[in-house]
Amino acid sequence: MEHSDEVTPFYRAVDAASLGRSIAEARKEATLTQHDLAVILGVTRGTIVRLEAGGAVSMVVAMHAIRAVGRDVALVPRFSKLQVQP
């Protein structure tokens, strides 16, 4: 995995709906349509619609979508103290 000095926006997702909103926002920032992302991931547009709406999709699809829109994932245990710095 490459390391980059580029600062990536931080999104806090605590459930499927907020994760979906975060992915949708990042997708739009990357100027990708739902169809574009579906093609990149090899899934249907309906899967992307479900993902962005907080519906049931596989964790693999969700993680690949996050990477496809140029983001990283950090899993933090609930009630942990987290300080985010650029």
N, C-alpha and C. Protein backbone atom coordinates (compact mmCIF):
# COMPACT_ATOMS: atom_id res chain seq x y z
N MET A 1 0.83 -1.17 0.00
CA MET A 1 0.00 0.00 0.00
C MET A 1 0.88 1.23 0.00
N GLU A 2 0.56 2.17 -0.85
CA GLU A 2 1.35 3.39 -0.97
C GLU A 2 0.98 4.36 0.13
N HIS A 3 1.96 5.16 0.53
CA HIS A 3 1.70 6.23 1.47
C HIS A 3 1.72 7.54 0.71
N SER A 4 0.75 8.38 1.00
CA SER A 4 0.68 9.68 0.35
C SER A 4 0.60 10.75 1.41
N ASP A 5 1.20 11.90 1.14
CA ASP A 5 1.13 13.02 2.07
C ASP A 5 -0.14 13.84 1.86
N GLU A 6 -0.96 13.45 0.89
CA GLU A 6 -2.20 14.14 0.61
C GLU A 6 -3.18 13.94 1.76
N VAL A 7 -3.81 15.03 2.18
CA VAL A 7 -4.79 14.97 3.27
C VAL A 7 -6.13 14.51 2.70
N THR A 8 -6.70 13.50 3.34
CA THR A 8 -7.99 12.96 2.92
C THR A 8 -9.05 13.43 3.90
N PRO A 9 -10.21 13.88 3.40
CA PRO A 9 -11.28 14.29 4.33
C PRO A 9 -11.68 13.15 5.25
N PHE A 10 -12.11 13.51 6.45
CA PHE A 10 -12.51 12.54 7.45
C PHE A 10 -14.03 12.50 7.52
N TYR A 11 -14.61 11.32 7.40
CA TYR A 11 -16.05 11.13 7.52
C TYR A 11 -16.29 10.16 8.67
N ARG A 12 -17.25 10.48 9.49
CA ARG A 12 -17.61 9.58 10.59
C ARG A 12 -18.88 8.86 10.20
N ALA A 13 -18.77 7.56 10.03
CA ALA A 13 -19.93 6.74 9.68
C ALA A 13 -20.18 5.78 10.84
N VAL A 14 -21.37 5.87 11.41
CA VAL A 14 -21.69 5.03 12.55
C VAL A 14 -22.72 3.96 12.23
N ASP A 15 -23.28 4.04 11.02
CA ASP A 15 -24.24 3.04 10.59
C ASP A 15 -24.23 2.97 9.07
N ALA A 16 -25.01 2.06 8.52
CA ALA A 16 -25.01 1.86 7.07
C ALA A 16 -25.47 3.11 6.32
N ALA A 17 -26.43 3.83 6.88
CA ALA A 17 -26.93 5.03 6.20
C ALA A 17 -25.87 6.12 6.13
N SER A 18 -25.16 6.36 7.23
CA SER A 18 -24.12 7.40 7.19
C SER A 18 -22.93 6.97 6.35
N LEU A 19 -22.63 5.68 6.32
CA LEU A 19 -21.57 5.19 5.44
C LEU A 19 -21.97 5.42 3.98
N GLY A 20 -23.21 5.12 3.65
CA GLY A 20 -23.70 5.32 2.30
C GLY A 20 -23.64 6.77 1.88
N ARG A 21 -24.04 7.68 2.77
CA ARG A 21 -23.97 9.11 2.47
C ARG A 21 -22.54 9.55 2.24
N SER A 22 -21.62 9.04 3.04
CA SER A 22 -20.20 9.38 2.89
C SER A 22 -19.66 8.91 1.54
N ILE A 23 -20.02 7.70 1.15
CA ILE A 23 -19.58 7.17 -0.14
C ILE A 23 -20.17 7.98 -1.27
N ALA A 24 -21.45 8.34 -1.16
CA ALA A 24 -22.10 9.13 -2.21
C ALA A 24 -21.41 10.49 -2.36
N GLU A 25 -21.11 11.13 -1.25
CA GLU A 25 -20.45 12.43 -1.31
C GLU A 25 -19.06 12.31 -1.93
N ALA A 26 -18.30 11.30 -1.52
CA ALA A 26 -16.97 11.10 -2.08
C ALA A 26 -17.04 10.77 -3.58
N ARG A 27 -18.04 9.98 -3.96
CA ARG A 27 -18.22 9.64 -5.38
C ARG A 27 -18.46 10.89 -6.20
N LYS A 28 -19.32 11.77 -5.69
CA LYS A 28 -19.62 13.01 -6.41
C LYS A 28 -18.39 13.91 -6.49
N GLU A 29 -17.62 13.98 -5.41
CA GLU A 29 -16.38 14.77 -5.42
C GLU A 29 -15.39 14.23 -6.45
N ALA A 30 -15.43 12.91 -6.66
CA ALA A 30 -14.55 12.27 -7.65
C ALA A 30 -15.13 12.36 -9.05
N THR A 31 -16.24 13.07 -9.19
CA THR A 31 -16.96 13.24 -10.46
C THR A 31 -17.30 11.91 -11.13
N LEU A 32 -17.75 10.96 -10.31
CA LEU A 32 -18.20 9.67 -10.82
C LEU A 32 -19.71 9.59 -10.68
N THR A 33 -20.36 9.01 -11.66
CA THR A 33 -21.78 8.72 -11.53
C THR A 33 -21.94 7.38 -10.83
N GLN A 34 -23.16 7.07 -10.43
CA GLN A 34 -23.41 5.75 -9.85
C GLN A 34 -23.09 4.67 -10.88
N HIS A 35 -23.41 4.92 -12.13
CA HIS A 35 -23.10 3.95 -13.19
C HIS A 35 -21.60 3.75 -13.31
N ASP A 36 -20.83 4.85 -13.28
CA ASP A 36 -19.36 4.75 -13.37
C ASP A 36 -18.81 3.88 -12.25
N LEU A 37 -19.27 4.13 -11.02
CA LEU A 37 -18.78 3.36 -9.88
C LEU A 37 -19.17 1.90 -10.01
N ALA A 38 -20.38 1.65 -10.47
CA ALA A 38 -20.83 0.27 -10.67
C ALA A 38 -19.94 -0.46 -11.66
N VAL A 39 -19.59 0.20 -12.75
CA VAL A 39 -18.71 -0.41 -13.76
C VAL A 39 -17.34 -0.71 -13.15
N ILE A 40 -16.78 0.24 -12.42
CA ILE A 40 -15.47 0.04 -11.79
C ILE A 40 -15.49 -1.17 -10.86
N LEU A 41 -16.59 -1.33 -10.11
CA LEU A 41 -16.69 -2.42 -9.12
C LEU A 41 -17.20 -3.72 -9.71
N GLY A 42 -17.74 -3.67 -10.93
CA GLY A 42 -18.28 -4.88 -11.54
C GLY A 42 -19.60 -5.31 -10.92
N VAL A 43 -20.39 -4.32 -10.49
CA VAL A 43 -21.71 -4.60 -9.90
C VAL A 43 -22.75 -3.81 -10.68
N THR A 44 -24.02 -3.98 -10.32
CA THR A 44 -25.07 -3.23 -10.99
C THR A 44 -25.21 -1.84 -10.35
N ARG A 45 -25.82 -0.93 -11.09
CA ARG A 45 -26.10 0.40 -10.55
C ARG A 45 -27.03 0.28 -9.35
N GLY A 46 -27.93 -0.69 -9.38
CA GLY A 46 -28.83 -0.92 -8.26
C GLY A 46 -28.08 -1.21 -6.96
N THR A 47 -26.96 -1.90 -7.07
CA THR A 47 -26.13 -2.18 -5.89
C THR A 47 -25.58 -0.88 -5.33
N ILE A 48 -25.16 0.02 -6.18
CA ILE A 48 -24.63 1.31 -5.73
C ILE A 48 -25.74 2.15 -5.10
N VAL A 49 -26.93 2.12 -5.70
CA VAL A 49 -28.07 2.83 -5.13
C VAL A 49 -28.35 2.30 -3.72
N ARG A 50 -28.37 0.99 -3.56
CA ARG A 50 -28.60 0.36 -2.24
C ARG A 50 -27.51 0.77 -1.25
N LEU A 51 -26.25 0.70 -1.69
CA LEU A 51 -25.12 1.06 -0.84
C LEU A 51 -25.27 2.49 -0.33
N GLU A 52 -25.54 3.42 -1.24
CA GLU A 52 -25.62 4.83 -0.87
C GLU A 52 -26.86 5.14 -0.04
N ALA A 53 -27.87 4.30 -0.12
CA ALA A 53 -29.09 4.49 0.68
C ALA A 53 -28.99 3.79 2.03
N GLY A 54 -27.89 3.09 2.28
CA GLY A 54 -27.73 2.38 3.54
C GLY A 54 -28.36 1.01 3.55
N GLY A 55 -28.64 0.48 2.37
CA GLY A 55 -29.23 -0.85 2.26
C GLY A 55 -28.20 -1.95 2.37
N ALA A 56 -28.67 -3.17 2.23
CA ALA A 56 -27.81 -4.33 2.38
C ALA A 56 -26.95 -4.57 1.14
N VAL A 57 -25.65 -4.50 1.32
CA VAL A 57 -24.68 -4.89 0.30
C VAL A 57 -23.54 -5.59 1.03
N SER A 58 -22.73 -6.32 0.31
CA SER A 58 -21.63 -7.02 0.97
C SER A 58 -20.58 -6.02 1.46
N MET A 59 -19.91 -6.37 2.53
CA MET A 59 -18.85 -5.54 3.07
C MET A 59 -17.72 -5.38 2.04
N VAL A 60 -17.49 -6.41 1.25
CA VAL A 60 -16.46 -6.35 0.21
C VAL A 60 -16.78 -5.24 -0.80
N VAL A 61 -18.03 -5.19 -1.24
CA VAL A 61 -18.44 -4.14 -2.18
C VAL A 61 -18.28 -2.77 -1.54
N ALA A 62 -18.69 -2.62 -0.29
CA ALA A 62 -18.57 -1.34 0.40
C ALA A 62 -17.11 -0.91 0.51
N MET A 63 -16.24 -1.82 0.89
CA MET A 63 -14.83 -1.48 1.04
C MET A 63 -14.19 -1.14 -0.31
N HIS A 64 -14.55 -1.88 -1.34
CA HIS A 64 -14.02 -1.57 -2.67
C HIS A 64 -14.54 -0.23 -3.17
N ALA A 65 -15.78 0.09 -2.86
CA ALA A 65 -16.34 1.38 -3.26
C ALA A 65 -15.59 2.52 -2.59
N ILE A 66 -15.29 2.36 -1.33
CA ILE A 66 -14.55 3.39 -0.59
C ILE A 66 -13.18 3.63 -1.25
N ARG A 67 -12.50 2.57 -1.58
CA ARG A 67 -11.19 2.71 -2.23
C ARG A 67 -11.33 3.29 -3.64
N ALA A 68 -12.39 2.91 -4.36
CA ALA A 68 -12.58 3.38 -5.73
C ALA A 68 -12.83 4.88 -5.80
N VAL A 69 -13.37 5.45 -4.73
CA VAL A 69 -13.60 6.89 -4.72
C VAL A 69 -12.45 7.64 -4.06
N GLY A 70 -11.36 6.92 -3.80
CA GLY A 70 -10.13 7.55 -3.32
C GLY A 70 -10.07 7.81 -1.83
N ARG A 71 -10.76 7.00 -1.06
CA ARG A 71 -10.77 7.17 0.39
C ARG A 71 -10.18 5.95 1.07
N ASP A 72 -9.86 6.10 2.35
CA ASP A 72 -9.36 5.02 3.19
C ASP A 72 -10.36 4.77 4.30
N VAL A 73 -10.19 3.65 4.97
CA VAL A 73 -11.08 3.29 6.08
C VAL A 73 -10.24 3.11 7.34
N ALA A 74 -10.72 3.66 8.43
CA ALA A 74 -10.13 3.43 9.74
C ALA A 74 -11.26 2.99 10.65
N LEU A 75 -11.14 1.81 11.21
CA LEU A 75 -12.16 1.31 12.13
C LEU A 75 -11.72 1.63 13.55
N VAL A 76 -12.58 2.31 14.27
CA VAL A 76 -12.27 2.75 15.62
C VAL A 76 -13.32 2.17 16.56
N PRO A 77 -12.89 1.46 17.59
CA PRO A 77 -13.86 0.90 18.53
C PRO A 77 -14.73 1.99 19.16
N ARG A 78 -15.99 1.66 19.38
CA ARG A 78 -16.92 2.60 19.99
C ARG A 78 -16.37 3.06 21.34
N PHE A 79 -16.58 4.30 21.65
CA PHE A 79 -16.16 4.93 22.90
C PHE A 79 -14.66 5.16 22.99
N SER A 80 -13.94 4.94 21.90
CA SER A 80 -12.51 5.25 21.89
C SER A 80 -12.34 6.74 21.70
N LYS A 81 -11.27 7.25 22.24
CA LYS A 81 -10.94 8.65 22.01
C LYS A 81 -10.10 8.70 20.75
N LEU A 82 -10.49 9.58 19.86
CA LEU A 82 -9.83 9.68 18.57
C LEU A 82 -9.52 11.13 18.30
N GLN A 83 -8.28 11.40 17.95
CA GLN A 83 -7.88 12.74 17.57
C GLN A 83 -7.40 12.67 16.13
N VAL A 84 -8.05 13.41 15.25
CA VAL A 84 -7.70 13.40 13.85
C VAL A 84 -6.90 14.66 13.54
N GLN A 85 -5.71 14.44 12.99
CA GLN A 85 -4.84 15.56 12.64
C GLN A 85 -4.36 15.38 11.21
N PRO A 86 -4.21 16.50 10.47
CA PRO A 86 -3.66 16.39 9.11
C PRO A 86 -2.21 16.02 9.12
